[in-house]
């Protein structure tokens, strides 16, 4: 077991969370969320995605948001689907690009309309542009632990995609349990496998809570040596191409757990709870996060 004394939290509510909302959240309210997260000590935010407004209208204000967003003390990571989106993100001042692909053809076609090979072949230009502009880029592999269309995904298949990302220039890899099909034993085995095969590449976990054990999965990943985790304020989000998908792990719940374990996150929990309640007011409905209801101890 590798029980690190500190972990890094990547806040994904503004991208992964808001893209799943039925309505558009105004830019001013998104900016207020960024400010609230900054006040809580969050440093890494997946702020938006430069996708077609027709595909995800909830993120149609990406250019305006990035032009107005607070910069000092924050790393704004931006998801991009293609070279056009990458160019727009770099022009808008993204601190890091995030490039994504699914581990299976079935989910990738449902998500972006291409096979895995077709998607990967289009990423070369993105990474070349990122390198030219000196903007780091990370690779994300969705449904890395199980696909709603194809079932269990062999970890060797995921490793091949990971190696391709690294060969293109990815400086970090993220494994997504997009379906909530993982369990703690599988998380431990997969993380151990990846750390043996790719020891020099930082690994992040993005865990959806479809079946209620995402926190156990996160803890298993932590014990296996992962120190970077994607979480979402209030627990909002979920993959739009997974049937009846639940949301992400709530950032405040994860920070609470690590805080009680004596693991440093650099985030102020009461301020984070306040940010989650702000988000709840913006969305106008109760959110699934638990610590925002019970409070810190």
Protein backbone atom coordinates (compact mmCIF):
# COMPACT_ATOMS: atom_id res chain seq x y z
CA UNK A 1 0.00 0.00 0.00
CA UNK A 2 1.13 3.53 -0.80
CA UNK A 3 -0.55 6.00 1.53
CA UNK A 4 0.63 9.38 0.25
CA UNK A 5 0.48 12.35 2.58
CA UNK A 6 -1.18 14.59 0.00
CA UNK A 7 -3.41 14.29 -3.06
CA UNK A 8 -4.44 16.52 -5.95
CA UNK A 9 -8.12 17.20 -6.60
CA UNK A 10 -9.25 18.19 -10.13
CA UNK A 11 -12.63 19.92 -10.02
CA UNK A 12 -14.76 18.90 -13.03
CA UNK A 13 -18.21 20.29 -12.18
CA UNK A 14 -17.94 23.19 -14.61
CA UNK A 15 -17.35 20.84 -17.55
CA UNK A 16 -18.45 17.29 -16.75
CA UNK A 17 -21.17 18.46 -14.38
CA UNK A 18 -22.75 21.35 -16.25
CA UNK A 19 -22.70 19.62 -19.63
CA UNK A 20 -25.23 17.14 -18.22
CA UNK A 21 -27.65 19.84 -17.09
CA UNK A 22 -30.84 20.34 -19.09
CA UNK A 23 -30.54 24.11 -19.05
CA UNK A 24 -27.75 26.58 -19.76
CA UNK A 25 -26.05 28.07 -16.71
CA UNK A 26 -25.22 31.75 -17.45
CA UNK A 27 -21.57 32.69 -17.73
CA UNK A 28 -21.75 35.06 -14.76
CA UNK A 29 -22.88 32.20 -12.53
CA UNK A 30 -20.10 29.97 -13.81
CA UNK A 31 -17.64 32.73 -12.98
CA UNK A 32 -19.12 32.93 -9.48
CA UNK A 33 -18.52 29.19 -9.08
CA UNK A 34 -14.91 29.54 -10.19
CA UNK A 35 -14.42 32.31 -7.63
CA UNK A 36 -16.03 30.21 -4.88
CA UNK A 37 -13.78 27.26 -5.75
CA UNK A 38 -10.74 29.54 -5.77
CA UNK A 39 -11.67 30.88 -2.33
CA UNK A 40 -11.84 27.29 -1.10
CA UNK A 41 -8.30 26.63 -2.30
CA UNK A 42 -9.09 24.55 -5.38
CA UNK A 43 -6.22 24.94 -7.86
CA UNK A 44 -7.11 22.65 -10.75
CA UNK A 45 -10.38 23.15 -12.63
CA UNK A 46 -11.60 21.49 -15.79
CA UNK A 47 -13.25 24.73 -16.77
CA UNK A 48 -15.02 24.00 -20.05
CA UNK A 49 -14.79 22.19 -23.38
CA UNK A 50 -14.31 23.66 -26.83
CA UNK A 51 -16.85 21.45 -28.54
CA UNK A 52 -19.52 22.39 -31.04
CA UNK A 53 -22.30 24.43 -29.40
CA UNK A 54 -24.74 22.23 -31.29
CA UNK A 55 -23.33 19.14 -29.58
CA UNK A 56 -23.17 20.58 -26.04
CA UNK A 57 -25.05 23.90 -25.84
CA UNK A 58 -24.44 24.05 -22.09
CA UNK A 59 -20.78 24.87 -22.85
CA UNK A 60 -21.42 27.24 -25.76
CA UNK A 61 -19.90 30.14 -23.79
CA UNK A 62 -16.43 28.56 -23.61
CA UNK A 63 -14.67 31.49 -25.30
CA UNK A 64 -16.37 34.14 -23.17
CA UNK A 65 -15.85 32.15 -19.98
CA UNK A 66 -12.13 31.70 -20.60
CA UNK A 67 -11.78 35.40 -21.48
CA UNK A 68 -13.28 36.46 -18.16
CA UNK A 69 -12.23 33.71 -15.77
CA UNK A 70 -9.94 34.31 -12.80
CA UNK A 71 -6.36 33.28 -13.57
CA UNK A 72 -4.19 33.88 -10.52
CA UNK A 73 -3.59 30.69 -8.55
CA UNK A 74 -5.69 28.53 -10.89
CA UNK A 75 -4.86 26.00 -13.57
CA UNK A 76 -7.64 25.96 -16.17
CA UNK A 77 -7.74 22.63 -17.96
CA UNK A 78 -9.93 22.46 -21.07
CA UNK A 79 -11.29 19.39 -22.86
CA UNK A 80 -10.91 19.42 -26.65
CA UNK A 81 -12.35 16.97 -29.21
CA UNK A 82 -10.30 17.92 -32.27
CA UNK A 83 -7.64 20.26 -33.68
CA UNK A 84 -10.15 23.08 -34.15
CA UNK A 85 -11.15 22.90 -30.50
CA UNK A 86 -7.51 22.67 -29.44
CA UNK A 87 -6.60 25.80 -31.39
CA UNK A 88 -9.51 27.69 -29.85
CA UNK A 89 -8.60 26.51 -26.35
CA UNK A 90 -4.96 27.55 -26.71
CA UNK A 91 -5.98 30.93 -28.11
CA UNK A 92 -8.32 31.33 -25.13
CA UNK A 93 -5.44 30.75 -22.70
CA UNK A 94 -6.03 27.18 -21.51
CA UNK A 95 -3.29 26.05 -19.14
CA UNK A 96 -3.67 22.43 -20.20
CA UNK A 97 -5.52 20.52 -22.89
CA UNK A 98 -7.48 17.36 -22.09
CA UNK A 99 -7.94 14.89 -24.95
CA UNK A 100 -10.39 12.03 -24.56
CA UNK A 101 -11.22 8.71 -26.16
CA UNK A 102 -13.24 5.69 -25.05
CA UNK A 103 -11.68 2.30 -24.46
CA UNK A 104 -14.23 0.60 -26.75
CA UNK A 105 -15.44 1.30 -30.25
CA UNK A 106 -19.08 1.02 -29.21
CA UNK A 107 -18.91 3.75 -26.58
CA UNK A 108 -16.62 5.93 -28.66
CA UNK A 109 -19.06 5.80 -31.57
CA UNK A 110 -21.93 6.67 -29.25
CA UNK A 111 -19.92 9.52 -27.76
CA UNK A 112 -18.20 11.09 -30.79
CA UNK A 113 -19.25 9.05 -33.83
CA UNK A 114 -15.85 7.45 -34.50
CA UNK A 115 -14.02 4.23 -33.77
CA UNK A 116 -11.16 4.34 -31.26
CA UNK A 117 -8.62 4.09 -34.09
CA UNK A 118 -10.26 6.92 -36.00
CA UNK A 119 -10.23 9.15 -32.93
CA UNK A 120 -6.63 8.38 -32.03
CA UNK A 121 -5.46 9.05 -35.58
CA UNK A 122 -6.86 12.55 -35.30
CA UNK A 123 -5.01 13.36 -32.08
CA UNK A 124 -1.54 13.76 -33.60
CA UNK A 125 -2.26 17.29 -34.77
CA UNK A 126 -3.61 18.24 -31.35
CA UNK A 127 -0.48 17.12 -29.53
CA UNK A 128 1.80 18.66 -32.14
CA UNK A 129 0.05 22.00 -31.75
CA UNK A 130 0.16 21.72 -27.95
CA UNK A 131 3.89 21.02 -28.06
CA UNK A 132 4.49 23.92 -30.44
CA UNK A 133 2.59 26.31 -28.16
CA UNK A 134 4.17 24.79 -25.03
CA UNK A 135 0.79 23.84 -23.55
CA UNK A 136 0.76 20.48 -21.73
CA UNK A 137 -1.85 17.93 -22.74
CA UNK A 138 -3.34 14.96 -20.91
CA UNK A 139 -5.02 11.84 -22.24
CA UNK A 140 -8.30 10.51 -20.87
CA UNK A 141 -9.59 6.98 -21.45
CA UNK A 142 -13.32 6.65 -20.78
CA UNK A 143 -15.06 3.35 -19.91
CA UNK A 144 -11.64 1.99 -18.91
CA UNK A 145 -13.17 -0.46 -16.43
CA UNK A 146 -16.31 -1.47 -18.28
CA UNK A 147 -18.50 -0.48 -21.22
CA UNK A 148 -22.32 -0.43 -21.14
CA UNK A 149 -22.33 -1.79 -24.70
CA UNK A 150 -19.42 -4.26 -24.71
CA UNK A 151 -19.05 -5.27 -21.06
CA UNK A 152 -15.73 -5.72 -19.24
CA UNK A 153 -12.79 -4.04 -20.98
CA UNK A 154 -9.46 -5.94 -20.94
CA UNK A 155 -6.84 -3.83 -19.21
CA UNK A 156 -4.37 -4.72 -21.97
CA UNK A 157 -6.63 -2.89 -24.44
CA UNK A 158 -6.63 0.17 -22.19
CA UNK A 159 -2.84 -0.03 -21.87
CA UNK A 160 -2.41 0.06 -25.65
CA UNK A 161 -4.45 3.27 -25.84
CA UNK A 162 -2.43 4.69 -22.95
CA UNK A 163 0.84 3.92 -24.74
CA UNK A 164 -0.45 5.65 -27.85
CA UNK A 165 -1.31 8.74 -25.81
CA UNK A 166 2.18 8.78 -24.30
CA UNK A 167 3.80 8.39 -27.71
CA UNK A 168 1.83 11.44 -28.86
CA UNK A 169 3.06 13.50 -25.92
CA UNK A 170 0.51 13.10 -23.12
CA UNK A 171 2.08 13.99 -19.77
CA UNK A 172 -0.73 12.51 -17.66
CA UNK A 173 -3.27 9.72 -18.09
CA UNK A 174 -6.76 9.54 -16.67
CA UNK A 175 -8.74 6.31 -16.37
CA UNK A 176 -12.49 6.77 -16.27
CA UNK A 177 -14.99 4.43 -14.64
CA UNK A 178 -17.64 6.07 -16.78
CA UNK A 179 -20.19 3.33 -16.10
CA UNK A 180 -19.63 2.61 -12.41
CA UNK A 181 -18.70 -0.96 -13.35
CA UNK A 182 -15.44 -0.99 -11.38
CA UNK A 183 -14.96 -2.40 -7.89
CA UNK A 184 -12.16 -1.84 -5.36
CA UNK A 185 -10.33 -5.06 -6.27
CA UNK A 186 -10.38 -4.23 -9.98
CA UNK A 187 -9.25 -0.66 -9.30
CA UNK A 188 -6.32 -1.93 -7.24
CA UNK A 189 -5.34 -4.51 -9.87
CA UNK A 190 -5.59 -2.04 -12.75
CA UNK A 191 -3.69 0.74 -11.00
CA UNK A 192 -0.95 -1.70 -9.96
CA UNK A 193 -0.76 -2.97 -13.56
CA UNK A 194 -0.45 0.56 -14.95
CA UNK A 195 2.10 1.67 -12.40
CA UNK A 196 4.24 -1.35 -13.32
CA UNK A 197 3.90 -0.80 -17.07
CA UNK A 198 4.04 3.02 -17.10
CA UNK A 199 5.87 4.00 -13.91
CA UNK A 200 6.84 7.48 -15.07
CA UNK A 201 3.39 8.66 -16.14
CA UNK A 202 1.12 10.34 -13.54
CA UNK A 203 -2.22 8.56 -13.26
CA UNK A 204 -5.59 10.15 -12.46
CA UNK A 205 -8.88 8.40 -11.64
CA UNK A 206 -12.28 9.68 -12.77
CA UNK A 207 -14.93 7.62 -10.97
CA UNK A 208 -18.68 7.78 -11.52
CA UNK A 209 -20.99 6.63 -8.75
CA UNK A 210 -23.56 4.67 -10.77
CA UNK A 211 -23.64 1.79 -8.31
CA UNK A 212 -22.76 3.56 -5.08
CA UNK A 213 -19.20 2.30 -4.54
CA UNK A 214 -17.17 5.05 -6.20
CA UNK A 215 -15.77 6.24 -2.85
CA UNK A 216 -14.57 2.72 -2.08
CA UNK A 217 -13.03 2.62 -5.54
CA UNK A 218 -11.30 5.95 -4.97
CA UNK A 219 -9.88 4.72 -1.67
CA UNK A 220 -8.61 1.56 -3.36
CA UNK A 221 -6.93 3.71 -6.00
CA UNK A 222 -5.34 5.84 -3.31
CA UNK A 223 -3.97 2.79 -1.50
CA UNK A 224 -2.57 1.54 -4.81
CA UNK A 225 -0.66 4.79 -5.31
CA UNK A 226 -2.92 7.20 -7.22
CA UNK A 227 -2.70 10.78 -5.95
CA UNK A 228 -4.77 12.65 -8.57
CA UNK A 229 -8.56 12.40 -8.58
CA UNK A 230 -11.36 14.01 -10.58
CA UNK A 231 -14.32 15.08 -8.46
CA UNK A 232 -17.36 17.28 -9.03
CA UNK A 233 -18.79 19.89 -6.70
CA UNK A 234 -22.06 18.65 -5.25
CA UNK A 235 -21.66 15.35 -7.10
CA UNK A 236 -23.20 16.62 -10.34
CA UNK A 237 -22.52 15.14 -13.75
CA UNK A 238 -22.44 11.76 -15.40
CA UNK A 239 -21.83 10.50 -18.92
CA UNK A 240 -24.71 11.39 -21.30
CA UNK A 241 -24.01 8.23 -23.30
CA UNK A 242 -24.35 5.77 -20.42
CA UNK A 243 -27.92 4.63 -19.73
CA UNK A 244 -29.25 6.01 -16.42
CA UNK A 245 -25.82 7.35 -15.49
CA UNK A 246 -25.36 8.68 -11.97
CA UNK A 247 -23.06 11.56 -11.16
CA UNK A 248 -19.49 11.98 -10.05
CA UNK A 249 -18.08 11.78 -6.56
CA UNK A 250 -18.80 15.02 -4.73
CA UNK A 251 -15.64 17.07 -4.23
CA UNK A 252 -16.62 18.02 -0.71
CA UNK A 253 -17.23 14.36 0.23
CA UNK A 254 -13.80 13.34 -1.05
CA UNK A 255 -12.05 16.26 0.64
CA UNK A 256 -13.84 15.40 3.90
CA UNK A 257 -12.64 11.79 3.74
CA UNK A 258 -9.04 12.73 3.07
CA UNK A 259 -9.11 15.47 5.71
CA UNK A 260 -10.36 13.01 8.34
CA UNK A 261 -7.59 10.59 7.29
CA UNK A 262 -4.96 13.29 7.73
CA UNK A 263 -4.23 13.47 3.98
CA UNK A 264 -3.59 17.01 2.70
CA UNK A 265 -5.66 18.36 -0.19
CA UNK A 266 -4.91 22.07 0.16
CA UNK A 267 -8.67 22.75 0.16
CA UNK A 268 -10.67 24.46 2.89
CA UNK A 269 -13.66 22.21 3.58
CA UNK A 270 -16.11 24.79 5.05
CA UNK A 271 -15.46 27.10 2.08
CA UNK A 272 -15.91 24.16 -0.29
CA UNK A 273 -19.25 23.29 1.33
CA UNK A 274 -20.29 26.89 0.85
CA UNK A 275 -19.37 26.61 -2.84
CA UNK A 276 -21.45 23.44 -3.15
CA UNK A 277 -24.45 25.20 -1.63
CA UNK A 278 -23.94 28.06 -4.07
CA UNK A 279 -24.08 25.54 -6.91
CA UNK A 280 -27.22 24.00 -5.43
CA UNK A 281 -28.87 27.42 -5.42
CA UNK A 282 -27.82 28.04 -9.02
CA UNK A 283 -29.25 24.72 -10.21
CA UNK A 284 -32.35 25.03 -8.04
CA UNK A 285 -32.50 21.46 -6.79
CA UNK A 286 -30.95 19.28 -4.05
CA UNK A 287 -27.59 17.87 -5.08
CA UNK A 288 -26.34 14.35 -4.26
CA UNK A 289 -23.32 15.41 -2.18
CA UNK A 290 -23.60 14.31 1.45
CA UNK A 291 -21.10 16.46 3.35
CA UNK A 292 -22.77 19.63 2.11
CA UNK A 293 -25.83 18.46 4.07
CA UNK A 294 -24.13 17.16 7.22
CA UNK A 295 -21.24 19.61 7.38
CA UNK A 296 -17.68 19.10 8.58
CA UNK A 297 -16.97 17.46 11.93
